[in-house]
PDB file of N, CA and C in Angstrom:
ATOM      1  N   MET A   1     111.228 100.854  96.059  1.00  0.00           N
ATOM      2  CA  MET A   1     110.601 102.346  95.794  1.00  0.00           C
ATOM      3  C   MET A   1     110.614 102.335  94.256  1.00  0.00           C
ATOM      4  N   MET A   2     110.028 102.788  93.939  1.00  0.00           N
ATOM      5  CA  MET A   2     110.039 103.265  92.313  1.00  0.00           C
ATOM      6  C   MET A   2     110.106 104.493  91.777  1.00  0.00           C
ATOM      7  N   TYR A   3     110.176 104.658  91.004  1.00  0.00           N
ATOM      8  CA  TYR A   3     109.972 106.102  90.880  1.00  0.00           C
ATOM      9  C   TYR A   3     110.406 106.237  89.495  1.00  0.00           C
ATOM     10  N   GLY A   4     109.317 106.872  88.469  1.00  0.00           N
ATOM     11  CA  GLY A   4     109.057 107.000  87.062  1.00  0.00           C
ATOM     12  C   GLY A   4     110.138 108.229  86.302  1.00  0.00           C
ATOM     13  N   LYS A   5     110.063 109.694  86.905  1.00  0.00           N
ATOM     14  CA  LYS A   5     110.838 110.277  86.471  1.00  0.00           C
ATOM     15  C   LYS A   5     111.184 111.304  87.717  1.00  0.00           C
ATOM     16  N   CYS A   6     111.644 112.242  87.519  1.00  0.00           N
ATOM     17  CA  CYS A   6     112.155 113.469  88.474  1.00  0.00           C
ATOM     18  C   CYS A   6     110.666 114.175  88.603  1.00  0.00           C
ATOM     19  N   ALA A   7     110.327 114.649  89.841  1.00  0.00           N
ATOM     20  CA  ALA A   7     109.855 115.314  90.728  1.00  0.00           C
ATOM     21  C   ALA A   7     109.474 116.635  89.908  1.00  0.00           C
ATOM     22  N   ASN A   8     110.221 117.246  89.571  1.00  0.00           N
ATOM     23  CA  ASN A   8     110.377 118.525  89.084  1.00  0.00           C
ATOM     24  C   ASN A   8     109.419 118.266  87.046  1.00  0.00           C
ATOM     25  N   HIS A   9     108.501 118.465  87.139  1.00  0.00           N
ATOM     26  CA  HIS A   9     107.543 118.230  86.217  1.00  0.00           C
ATOM     27  C   HIS A   9     108.330 119.135  84.840  1.00  0.00           C
ATOM     28  N   SER A  10     108.980 119.989  84.513  1.00  0.00           N
ATOM     29  CA  SER A  10     109.666 120.516  83.856  1.00  0.00           C
ATOM     30  C   SER A  10     110.486 119.934  83.148  1.00  0.00           C
ATOM     31  N   CYS A  11     111.215 118.799  84.010  1.00  0.00           N
ATOM     32  CA  CYS A  11     112.235 117.957  83.258  1.00  0.00           C
ATOM     33  C   CYS A  11     111.873 117.054  82.724  1.00  0.00           C
ATOM     34  N   SER A  12     112.710 115.958  82.089  1.00  0.00           N
ATOM     35  CA  SER A  12     112.165 114.253  81.404  1.00  0.00           C
ATOM     36  C   SER A  12     112.975 113.602  81.527  1.00  0.00           C
ATOM     37  N   ALA A  13     114.082 113.877  82.506  1.00  0.00           N
ATOM     38  CA  ALA A  13     114.847 112.738  83.422  1.00  0.00           C
ATOM     39  C   ALA A  13     113.892 111.526  83.733  1.00  0.00           C
ATOM     40  N   SER A  14     114.730 110.037  83.746  1.00  0.00           N
ATOM     41  CA  SER A  14     113.729 108.969  84.258  1.00  0.00           C
ATOM     42  C   SER A  14     114.799 108.065  84.884  1.00  0.00           C
ATOM     43  N   GLY A  15     113.514 107.192  85.240  1.00  0.00           N
ATOM     44  CA  GLY A  15     114.569 105.872  85.715  1.00  0.00           C
ATOM     45  C   GLY A  15     116.017 105.998  86.452  1.00  0.00           C
ATOM     46  N   PRO A  16     115.760 106.290  87.888  1.00  0.00           N
ATOM     47  CA  PRO A  16     116.530 107.045  88.975  1.00  0.00           C
ATOM     48  C   PRO A  16     117.428 105.427  89.359  1.00  0.00           C
ATOM     49  N   SER A  17     118.373 105.616  89.432  1.00  0.00           N
ATOM     50  CA  SER A  17     119.163 104.696  90.173  1.00  0.00           C
ATOM     51  C   SER A  17     119.156 104.714  91.523  1.00  0.00           C
ATOM     52  N   HIS A  18     119.863 104.200  92.344  1.00  0.00           N
ATOM     53  CA  HIS A  18     120.542 104.561  93.868  1.00  0.00           C
ATOM     54  C   HIS A  18     121.804 105.530  94.082  1.00  0.00           C
ATOM     55  N   ASP A  19     122.096 105.422  93.399  1.00  0.00           N
ATOM     56  CA  ASP A  19     123.502 106.497  93.288  1.00  0.00           C
ATOM     57  C   ASP A  19     123.169 107.670  92.304  1.00  0.00           C
ATOM     58  N   THR A  20     121.909 107.882  91.831  1.00  0.00           N
ATOM     59  CA  THR A  20     122.146 109.397  91.033  1.00  0.00           C
ATOM     60  C   THR A  20     120.977 110.376  91.415  1.00  0.00           C
ATOM     61  N   GLY A  21     121.385 111.537  91.431  1.00  0.00           N
ATOM     62  CA  GLY A  21     119.871 112.279  92.254  1.00  0.00           C
ATOM     63  C   GLY A  21     120.014 112.165  93.584  1.00  0.00           C
ATOM     64  N   LYS A  22     118.804 112.540  94.087  1.00  0.00           N
ATOM     65  CA  LYS A  22     118.563 112.697  95.549  1.00  0.00           C
ATOM     66  C   LYS A  22     117.475 112.572  95.669  1.00  0.00           C
ATOM     67  N   PHE A  23     116.932 111.472  96.702  1.00  0.00           N
ATOM     68  CA  PHE A  23     115.397 111.192  96.799  1.00  0.00           C
ATOM     69  C   PHE A  23     115.178 112.343  98.010  1.00  0.00           C
ATOM     70  N   PHE A  24     113.943 112.789  98.668  1.00  0.00           N
ATOM     71  CA  PHE A  24     113.825 113.473  99.314  1.00  0.00           C
ATOM     72  C   PHE A  24     112.634 112.677 100.175  1.00  0.00           C
ATOM     73  N   ARG A  25     112.583 112.711 101.517  1.00  0.00           N
ATOM     74  CA  ARG A  25     111.222 112.110 102.477  1.00  0.00           C
ATOM     75  C   ARG A  25     110.601 114.127 103.379  1.00  0.00           C
ATOM     76  N   VAL A  26     109.158 113.694 102.462  1.00  0.00           N
ATOM     77  CA  VAL A  26     108.939 114.843 102.827  1.00  0.00           C
ATOM     78  C   VAL A  26     107.527 114.634 104.592  1.00  0.00           C
ATOM     79  N   ASP A  27     107.535 115.004 105.367  1.00  0.00           N
ATOM     80  CA  ASP A  27     107.014 114.622 106.589  1.00  0.00           C
ATOM     81  C   ASP A  27     105.674 115.785 106.435  1.00  0.00           C
ATOM     82  N   ILE A  28     104.281 115.698 106.423  1.00  0.00           N
ATOM     83  CA  ILE A  28     103.162 116.806 106.960  1.00  0.00           C
ATOM     84  C   ILE A  28     102.708 116.237 107.890  1.00  0.00           C
ATOM     85  N   ASP A  29     102.302 117.053 108.752  1.00  0.00           N
ATOM     86  CA  ASP A  29     101.425 117.505 109.957  1.00  0.00           C
ATOM     87  C   ASP A  29     100.528 117.747 109.786  1.00  0.00           C
ATOM     88  N   LEU A  30      98.790 116.539 109.602  1.00  0.00           N
ATOM     89  CA  LEU A  30      97.683 117.620 109.118  1.00  0.00           C
ATOM     90  C   LEU A  30      96.916 118.033 110.097  1.00  0.00           C
ATOM     91  N   GLY A  31      97.798 117.856 110.974  1.00  0.00           N
ATOM     92  CA  GLY A  31      96.986 118.255 112.612  1.00  0.00           C
ATOM     93  C   GLY A  31      96.035 116.897 113.238  1.00  0.00           C
ATOM     94  N   ASN A  32      94.950 117.290 113.958  1.00  0.00           N
ATOM     95  CA  ASN A  32      94.393 115.956 114.902  1.00  0.00           C
ATOM     96  C   ASN A  32      93.040 116.092 114.233  1.00  0.00           C
ATOM     97  N   ASN A  33      92.740 114.729 113.864  1.00  0.00           N
ATOM     98  CA  ASN A  33      91.325 114.310 113.389  1.00  0.00           C
ATOM     99  C   ASN A  33      90.780 114.482 114.241  1.00  0.00           C
ATOM    100  N   LYS A  34      88.859 114.422 114.058  1.00  0.00           N
ATOM    101  CA  LYS A  34      87.829 113.908 115.143  1.00  0.00           C
ATOM    102  C   LYS A  34      88.150 113.143 116.641  1.00  0.00           C
ATOM    103  N   GLY A  35      88.549 112.480 116.624  1.00  0.00           N
ATOM    104  CA  GLY A  35      89.582 111.534 117.542  1.00  0.00           C
ATOM    105  C   GLY A  35      90.345 111.924 118.011  1.00  0.00           C
ATOM    106  N   GLY A  36      91.261 112.813 118.029  1.00  0.00           N
ATOM    107  CA  GLY A  36      92.369 113.612 118.479  1.00  0.00           C
ATOM    108  C   GLY A  36      93.317 113.434 118.118  1.00  0.00           C
ATOM    109  N   GLU A  37      93.669 112.546 117.643  1.00  0.00           N
ATOM    110  CA  GLU A  37      94.996 111.775 116.640  1.00  0.00           C
ATOM    111  C   GLU A  37      95.056 112.278 115.650  1.00  0.00           C
ATOM    112  N   CYS A  38      96.612 112.409 116.506  1.00  0.00           N
ATOM    113  CA  CYS A  38      97.139 113.477 115.366  1.00  0.00           C
ATOM    114  C   CYS A  38      97.576 112.383 113.833  1.00  0.00           C
ATOM    115  N   GLN A  39      97.112 113.285 113.045  1.00  0.00           N
ATOM    116  CA  GLN A  39      97.816 112.513 111.646  1.00  0.00           C
ATOM    117  C   GLN A  39      98.414 113.135 110.578  1.00  0.00           C
ATOM    118  N   HIS A  40      99.456 112.090 110.069  1.00  0.00           N
ATOM    119  CA  HIS A  40     100.712 112.278 109.567  1.00  0.00           C
ATOM    120  C   HIS A  40     100.955 111.609 107.844  1.00  0.00           C
ATOM    121  N   LYS A  41     101.157 112.764 107.105  1.00  0.00           N
ATOM    122  CA  LYS A  41     101.327 111.856 105.420  1.00  0.00           C
ATOM    123  C   LYS A  41     102.705 112.008 105.252  1.00  0.00           C
ATOM    124  N   THR A  42     103.179 111.022 104.602  1.00  0.00           N
ATOM    125  CA  THR A  42     104.822 111.315 104.196  1.00  0.00           C
ATOM    126  C   THR A  42     105.009 110.717 102.878  1.00  0.00           C
ATOM    127  N   MET A  43     105.563 112.095 102.057  1.00  0.00           N
ATOM    128  CA  MET A  43     105.460 111.328 100.677  1.00  0.00           C
ATOM    129  C   MET A  43     106.878 111.377 100.371  1.00  0.00           C
ATOM    130  N   TYR A  44     107.362 110.637  99.585  1.00  0.00           N
ATOM    131  CA  TYR A  44     108.882 110.603  98.672  1.00  0.00           C
ATOM    132  C   TYR A  44     108.949 111.276  97.491  1.00  0.00           C
ATOM    133  N   LEU A  45     110.412 111.750  96.954  1.00  0.00           N
ATOM    134  CA  LEU A  45     110.528 112.296  96.197  1.00  0.00           C
ATOM    135  C   LEU A  45     111.621 112.209  95.510  1.00  0.00           C
ATOM    136  N   TRP A  46     112.157 111.991  94.240  1.00  0.00           N
ATOM    137  CA  TRP A  46     113.085 112.059  93.675  1.00  0.00           C
ATOM    138  C   TRP A  46     113.318 112.789  92.296  1.00  0.00           C
ATOM    139  N   LEU A  47     114.646 113.797  92.377  1.00  0.00           N
ATOM    140  CA  LEU A  47     114.814 114.467  91.644  1.00  0.00           C
ATOM    141  C   LEU A  47     116.496 114.171  91.143  1.00  0.00           C
ATOM    142  N   CYS A  48     116.118 114.612  89.911  1.00  0.00           N
ATOM    143  CA  CYS A  48     117.330 114.032  89.026  1.00  0.00           C
ATOM    144  C   CYS A  48     118.719 114.700  89.506  1.00  0.00           C
ATOM    145  N   PRO A  49     119.901 114.637  89.175  1.00  0.00           N
ATOM    146  CA  PRO A  49     121.224 115.469  89.661  1.00  0.00           C
ATOM    147  C   PRO A  49     121.347 117.006  89.002  1.00  0.00           C
ATOM    148  N   GLU A  50     120.446 117.226  87.724  1.00  0.00           N
ATOM    149  CA  GLU A  50     120.292 118.577  88.117  1.00  0.00           C
ATOM    150  C   GLU A  50     119.506 119.280  88.577  1.00  0.00           C
ATOM    151  N   CYS A  51     118.609 118.614  88.858  1.00  0.00           N
ATOM    152  CA  CYS A  51     117.298 119.281  89.388  1.00  0.00           C
ATOM    153  C   CYS A  51     117.755 119.342  90.779  1.00  0.00           C
ATOM    154  N   ALA A  52     118.606 118.304  91.135  1.00  0.00           N
ATOM    155  CA  ALA A  52     118.670 118.328  92.762  1.00  0.00           C
ATOM    156  C   ALA A  52     119.524 119.670  92.980  1.00  0.00           C
ATOM    157  N   GLN A  53     120.563 119.400  92.407  1.00  0.00           N
ATOM    158  CA  GLN A  53     121.421 120.988  92.278  1.00  0.00           C
ATOM    159  C   GLN A  53     120.604 122.176  92.286  1.00  0.00           C
ATOM    160  N   GLN A  54     119.151 122.413  92.044  1.00  0.00           N
ATOM    161  CA  GLN A  54     118.839 123.698  92.210  1.00  0.00           C
ATOM    162  C   GLN A  54     117.463 123.813  92.599  1.00  0.00           C
ATOM    163  N   LEU A  55     116.957 122.988  93.316  1.00  0.00           N
ATOM    164  CA  LEU A  55     115.751 122.334  94.081  1.00  0.00           C
ATOM    165  C   LEU A  55     115.391 121.959  95.301  1.00  0.00           C
ATOM    166  N   ARG A  56     114.264 122.032  96.141  1.00  0.00           N
ATOM    167  CA  ARG A  56     114.205 121.360  97.061  1.00  0.00           C
ATOM    168  C   ARG A  56     112.680 121.577  97.562  1.00  0.00           C
ATOM    169  N   PRO A  57     112.422 120.557  97.507  1.00  0.00           N
ATOM    170  CA  PRO A  57     110.748 120.266  98.195  1.00  0.00           C
ATOM    171  C   PRO A  57     110.245 121.378  99.608  1.00  0.00           C
ATOM    172  N   HIS A  58     109.522 121.634  99.354  1.00  0.00           N
ATOM    173  CA  HIS A  58     108.850 123.093 100.148  1.00  0.00           C
ATOM    174  C   HIS A  58     107.481 122.788 100.476  1.00  0.00           C
ATOM    175  N   VAL A  59     106.698 122.728 102.145  1.00  0.00           N
ATOM    176  CA  VAL A  59     105.465 122.183 101.834  1.00  0.00           C
ATOM    177  C   VAL A  59     105.031 123.579 102.449  1.00  0.00           C
ATOM    178  N   GLN A  60     103.685 123.624 101.284  1.00  0.00           N
ATOM    179  CA  GLN A  60     102.613 124.647 101.549  1.00  0.00           C
ATOM    180  C   GLN A  60     101.756 124.837 102.410  1.00  0.00           C
ATOM    181  N   VAL A  61     100.787 125.449 103.357  1.00  0.00           N
ATOM    182  CA  VAL A  61     100.120 124.773 103.945  1.00  0.00           C
ATOM    183  C   VAL A  61      98.925 126.080 103.898  1.00  0.00           C
ATOM    184  N   VAL A  62      97.756 125.839 103.212  1.00  0.00           N
ATOM    185  CA  VAL A  62      96.789 126.741 102.680  1.00  0.00           C
ATOM    186  C   VAL A  62      95.091 126.802 103.034  1.00  0.00           C
ATOM    187  N   GLY A  63      95.343 127.033 104.312  1.00  0.00           N
ATOM    188  CA  GLY A  63      93.566 126.561 104.843  1.00  0.00           C
ATOM    189  C   GLY A  63      93.391 124.978 105.010  1.00  0.00           C
ATOM    190  N   ASP A  64      93.195 124.827 104.117  1.00  0.00           N
ATOM    191  CA  ASP A  64      93.035 122.549 104.158  1.00  0.00           C
ATOM    192  C   ASP A  64      93.760 122.310 103.017  1.00  0.00           C
ATOM    193  N   MET A  65      94.405 123.012 102.363  1.00  0.00           N
ATOM    194  CA  MET A  65      94.910 122.399 101.710  1.00  0.00           C
ATOM    195  C   MET A  65      96.526 122.330 101.622  1.00  0.00           C
ATOM    196  N   VAL A  66      97.070 121.323 101.353  1.00  0.00           N
ATOM    197  CA  VAL A  66      98.630 120.974 101.854  1.00  0.00           C
ATOM    198  C   VAL A  66      99.319 121.121 100.163  1.00  0.00           C
ATOM    199  N   ARG A  67     100.144 121.738 100.085  1.00  0.00           N
ATOM    200  CA  ARG A  67     101.131 122.115  98.351  1.00  0.00           C
ATOM    201  C   ARG A  67     102.528 121.347  98.966  1.00  0.00           C
ATOM    202  N   VAL A  68     103.225 120.654  97.860  1.00  0.00           N
ATOM    203  CA  VAL A  68     104.492 120.344  97.825  1.00  0.00           C
ATOM    204  C   VAL A  68     104.879 121.057  96.581  1.00  0.00           C
ATOM    205  N   GLN A  69     105.431 122.232  96.908  1.00  0.00           N
ATOM    206  CA  GLN A  69     106.498 122.980  95.763  1.00  0.00           C
ATOM    207  C   GLN A  69     107.808 122.531  95.640  1.00  0.00           C
ATOM    208  N   LEU A  70     108.410 122.994  94.898  1.00  0.00           N
ATOM    209  CA  LEU A  70     109.968 122.338  94.243  1.00  0.00           C
ATOM    210  C   LEU A  70     110.358 123.985  94.037  1.00  0.00           C
ATOM    211  N   ALA A  71     111.012 124.342  95.312  1.00  0.00           N
ATOM    212  CA  ALA A  71     111.424 125.508  95.510  1.00  0.00           C
ATOM    213  C   ALA A  71     112.959 125.718  94.826  1.00  0.00           C
ATOM    214  N   ARG A  72     112.945 126.711  94.543  1.00  0.00           N
ATOM    215  CA  ARG A  72     115.097 126.769  94.389  1.00  0.00           C
ATOM    216  C   ARG A  72     115.515 127.285  95.343  1.00  0.00           C
ATOM    217  N   ILE A  73     117.317 126.858  95.228  1.00  0.00           N
ATOM    218  CA  ILE A  73     117.711 126.930  96.585  1.00  0.00           C
ATOM    219  C   ILE A  73     118.559 128.256  96.443  1.00  0.00           C
ATOM    220  N   GLN A  74     118.648 128.939  97.379  1.00  0.00           N
ATOM    221  CA  GLN A  74     119.812 130.148  97.104  1.00  0.00           C
ATOM    222  C   GLN A  74     121.428 129.807  97.315  1.00  0.00           C
ATOM    223  N   PRO A  75     122.630 129.648  96.111  1.00  0.00           N
ATOM    224  CA  PRO A  75     123.565 129.274  96.791  1.00  0.00           C
ATOM    225  C   PRO A  75     124.434 129.874  97.691  1.00  0.00           C
ATOM    226  N   LEU A  76     125.322 129.310  98.791  1.00  0.00           N
ATOM    227  CA  LEU A  76     125.365 130.008  99.741  1.00  0.00           C
ATOM    228  C   LEU A  76     127.238 130.749  99.155  1.00  0.00           C
ATOM    229  N   PRO A  77     127.239 131.847 100.068  1.00  0.00           N
ATOM    230  CA  PRO A  77     128.528 132.525  99.157  1.00  0.00           C
ATOM    231  C   PRO A  77     129.413 131.679  99.829  1.00  0.00           C
ATOM    232  N   LEU A  78     130.593 131.694  98.700  1.00  0.00           N
ATOM    233  CA  LEU A  78     131.836 131.392  99.228  1.00  0.00           C
ATOM    234  C   LEU A  78     132.451 131.545 100.323  1.00  0.00           C
ATOM    235  N   ARG A  79     132.728 130.840 101.287  1.00  0.00           N
ATOM    236  CA  ARG A  79     133.987 131.252 102.248  1.00  0.00           C
ATOM    237  C   ARG A  79     135.333 132.297 102.062  1.00  0.00           C
ATOM    238  N   GLY A  80     134.893 133.455 102.612  1.00  0.00           N
ATOM    239  CA  GLY A  80     135.550 134.221 102.740  1.00  0.00           C
ATOM    240  C   GLY A  80     135.150 135.195 101.959  1.00  0.00           C
ATOM    241  N   SER A  81     134.176 135.375 101.315  1.00  0.00           N
ATOM    242  CA  SER A  81     133.192 136.344 100.340  1.00  0.00           C
ATOM    243  C   SER A  81     132.724 136.695 101.255  1.00  0.00           C
ATOM    244  N   PRO A  82     131.899 138.505 101.163  1.00  0.00           N
ATOM    245  CA  PRO A  82     131.151 139.078 102.163  1.00  0.00           C
ATOM    246  C   PRO A  82     129.293 138.940 101.864  1.00  0.00           C
ATOM    247  N   ALA A  83     128.809 138.572 102.480  1.00  0.00           N
ATOM    248  CA  ALA A  83     127.294 138.379 102.426  1.00  0.00           C
ATOM    249  C   ALA A  83     126.750 139.459 101.478  1.00  0.00           C
ATOM    250  N   VAL A  84     125.814 139.214 100.601  1.00  0.00           N
ATOM    251  CA  VAL A  84     125.462 140.431  99.742  1.00  0.00           C
ATOM    252  C   VAL A  84     124.258 140.759 100.362  1.00  0.00           C
ATOM    253  N   PRO A  85     123.762 141.544 100.801  1.00  0.00           N
ATOM    254  CA  PRO A  85     122.390 141.893 101.346  1.00  0.00           C
ATOM    255  C   PRO A  85     121.331 141.730 100.527  1.00  0.00           C
ATOM    256  N   VAL A  86     120.445 141.908 100.699  1.00  0.00           N
ATOM    257  CA  VAL A  86     119.150 141.419  99.965  1.00  0.00           C
ATOM    258  C   VAL A  86     117.859 142.503 100.357  1.00  0.00           C
ATOM    259  N   GLY A  87     117.812 143.365  99.489  1.00  0.00           N
ATOM    260  CA  GLY A  87     116.935 144.109  99.879  1.00  0.00           C
ATOM    261  C   GLY A  87     115.241 143.639  99.536  1.00  0.00           C
ATOM    262  N   ILE A  88     114.157 144.119 100.182  1.00  0.00           N
ATOM    263  CA  ILE A  88     112.404 143.631 100.013  1.00  0.00           C
ATOM    264  C   ILE A  88     112.149 144.465  99.884  1.00  0.00           C
ATOM    265  N   ASN A  89     111.488 144.788  99.053  1.00  0.00           N
ATOM    266  CA  ASN A  89     110.428 145.890  98.498  1.00  0.00           C
ATOM    267  C   ASN A  89     109.140 145.663  99.129  1.00  0.00           C
TER     268      ASN A  89
END
């Protein structure tokens, strides 16, 4: 597989090697076709080391449209640190 640049469109990092950044395989279930067969699509994404520390692919299905977005990951609390509650309005 060859990737020209980071999957984050805001990033200009290019040319991954096998030991830098992170590769993601995104499997998307498209449901059944008219013949009743289950349809799948597989995408492969590469994030540079900096983006891979902050982002993960997230599949969003809206009607007949499938979007793969990069979502920020939440840092995990350190061991021994109390969890901080998050309020939702």
